[in-house]
Amino acid sequence: MTQREELLSVPKRKWDDELHGVDVVYIIPSRRKHESGYACMDFVASFNGDKGKPMVRFGGGCDDVRLNGNHFRIDCEYPSRIIRIWNDKTSFSISRDISSIDFVEETE
């Protein structure tokens, strides 16, 4: 199974749930087009600091992400070309699923 297939098999959250304590988000480009003309994205959140908390998938209809904070980092895994976002200072929260999703640094 490829990394893309593994990530897309993660259970999806309810659209109106907010996520807190997120350490890493994987962005999986979809093959769907948003009405804005941009591609939709699927996301998987990982809670590495909370070992008992499973990964969760969200998005799917989102074409835009806003990063609210100064310590977000982005890289691209190889060979899957899955984009990874993390914060090098703190965990972060993720808003509910709408066209734009907010990633916000959490204060400790």
Protein backbone atom coordinates (compact mmCIF):
# COMPACT_ATOMS: atom_id res chain seq x y z
CA MET A 1 0.00 0.00 0.00
CA THR A 2 1.38 3.44 -0.91
CA GLN A 3 1.63 6.29 1.60
CA ARG A 4 -1.20 8.06 -0.25
CA GLU A 5 -3.46 4.98 0.06
CA GLU A 6 -2.58 4.59 3.75
CA LEU A 7 -3.37 8.22 4.53
CA LEU A 8 -6.64 8.20 2.58
CA SER A 9 -7.74 5.09 4.51
CA VAL A 10 -7.62 6.98 7.84
CA PRO A 11 -11.15 7.57 9.29
CA LYS A 12 -12.63 10.99 8.48
CA ARG A 13 -13.78 13.45 11.17
CA LYS A 14 -17.21 15.10 11.19
CA TRP A 15 -17.00 18.33 9.18
CA ASP A 16 -17.84 20.56 12.17
CA ASP A 17 -15.31 19.04 14.64
CA GLU A 18 -12.31 21.18 15.50
CA LEU A 19 -8.98 19.45 16.13
CA HIS A 20 -6.61 20.43 18.94
CA GLY A 21 -3.11 19.25 19.85
CA VAL A 22 -2.13 18.51 16.25
CA ASP A 23 1.59 17.95 15.62
CA VAL A 24 1.69 17.17 11.89
CA VAL A 25 -0.69 17.52 8.93
CA TYR A 26 -0.23 15.67 5.67
CA ILE A 27 -1.74 17.28 2.55
CA ILE A 28 -2.83 14.88 -0.17
CA PRO A 29 -3.66 16.62 -3.45
CA SER A 30 -6.98 15.33 -4.78
CA ARG A 31 -8.04 14.79 -8.32
CA ARG A 32 -11.14 16.95 -7.77
CA LYS A 33 -11.55 20.57 -8.84
CA HIS A 34 -13.08 23.15 -6.47
CA GLU A 35 -15.55 25.67 -7.90
CA SER A 36 -12.80 28.29 -7.41
CA GLY A 37 -10.80 26.60 -10.14
CA TYR A 38 -8.14 25.24 -7.75
CA ALA A 39 -7.72 21.59 -6.76
CA CYS A 40 -9.35 20.30 -3.58
CA MET A 41 -7.10 18.83 -0.88
CA ASP A 42 -7.45 15.99 1.60
CA PHE A 43 -5.64 16.23 4.94
CA VAL A 44 -4.59 13.82 7.68
CA ALA A 45 -3.79 15.13 11.17
CA SER A 46 -1.37 13.29 13.44
CA PHE A 47 -1.20 13.73 17.20
CA ASN A 48 2.35 12.45 17.81
CA GLY A 49 2.52 13.98 21.30
CA ASP A 50 -0.65 12.12 22.32
CA LYS A 51 0.32 8.50 21.68
CA GLY A 52 -3.18 7.09 22.25
CA LYS A 53 -4.94 9.43 19.83
CA PRO A 54 -5.44 8.05 16.30
CA MET A 55 -4.78 9.98 13.12
CA VAL A 56 -7.83 11.62 11.54
CA ARG A 57 -8.63 12.63 7.96
CA PHE A 58 -10.41 15.88 7.10
CA GLY A 59 -10.98 18.30 4.24
CA GLY A 60 -11.72 16.95 0.82
CA GLY A 61 -13.62 20.02 -0.32
CA CYS A 62 -11.02 22.55 0.78
CA ASP A 63 -9.01 24.56 -1.74
CA ASP A 64 -7.27 26.93 0.69
CA VAL A 65 -5.34 26.76 3.99
CA ARG A 66 -4.49 29.71 6.26
CA LEU A 67 -1.54 29.35 8.64
CA ASN A 68 -1.91 31.55 11.73
CA GLY A 69 1.44 31.66 13.53
CA ASN A 70 5.14 32.21 13.03
CA HIS A 71 6.57 28.72 13.45
CA PHE A 72 4.93 26.60 10.77
CA ARG A 73 7.23 24.52 8.56
CA ILE A 74 6.41 22.79 5.26
CA ASP A 75 8.24 20.04 3.42
CA CYS A 76 7.47 17.45 0.77
CA GLU A 77 8.01 13.74 1.42
CA TYR A 78 9.69 11.64 -1.21
CA PRO A 79 8.81 9.59 -3.21
CA SER A 80 5.10 10.10 -2.35
CA ARG A 81 5.24 13.89 -2.88
CA ILE A 82 2.84 14.30 0.04
CA ILE A 83 3.16 17.76 1.60
CA ARG A 84 3.75 17.85 5.38
CA ILE A 85 3.04 20.85 7.66
CA TRP A 86 4.26 21.00 11.25
CA ASN A 87 5.07 23.60 13.86
CA ASP A 88 8.55 23.63 15.36
CA LYS A 89 7.48 25.34 18.62
CA THR A 90 4.02 24.09 19.63
CA SER A 91 1.04 22.00 18.60
CA PHE A 92 -1.77 23.65 16.67
CA SER A 93 -5.54 23.61 16.17
CA ILE A 94 -7.48 23.09 12.96
CA SER A 95 -10.85 24.69 12.21
CA ARG A 96 -13.88 22.84 10.88
CA ASP A 97 -14.15 21.74 7.24
CA ILE A 98 -15.20 24.55 4.97
CA SER A 99 -13.71 25.89 1.74
CA SER A 100 -10.86 27.49 3.75
CA ILE A 101 -9.35 25.76 6.77
CA ASP A 102 -7.36 27.56 9.48
CA PHE A 103 -4.29 26.09 11.21
CA VAL A 104 -3.67 28.11 14.40
CA GLU A 105 -0.73 27.84 16.81
CA GLU A 106 -1.81 26.87 20.32
CA THR A 107 -0.55 28.82 23.30
CA GLU A 108 0.91 26.80 26.13
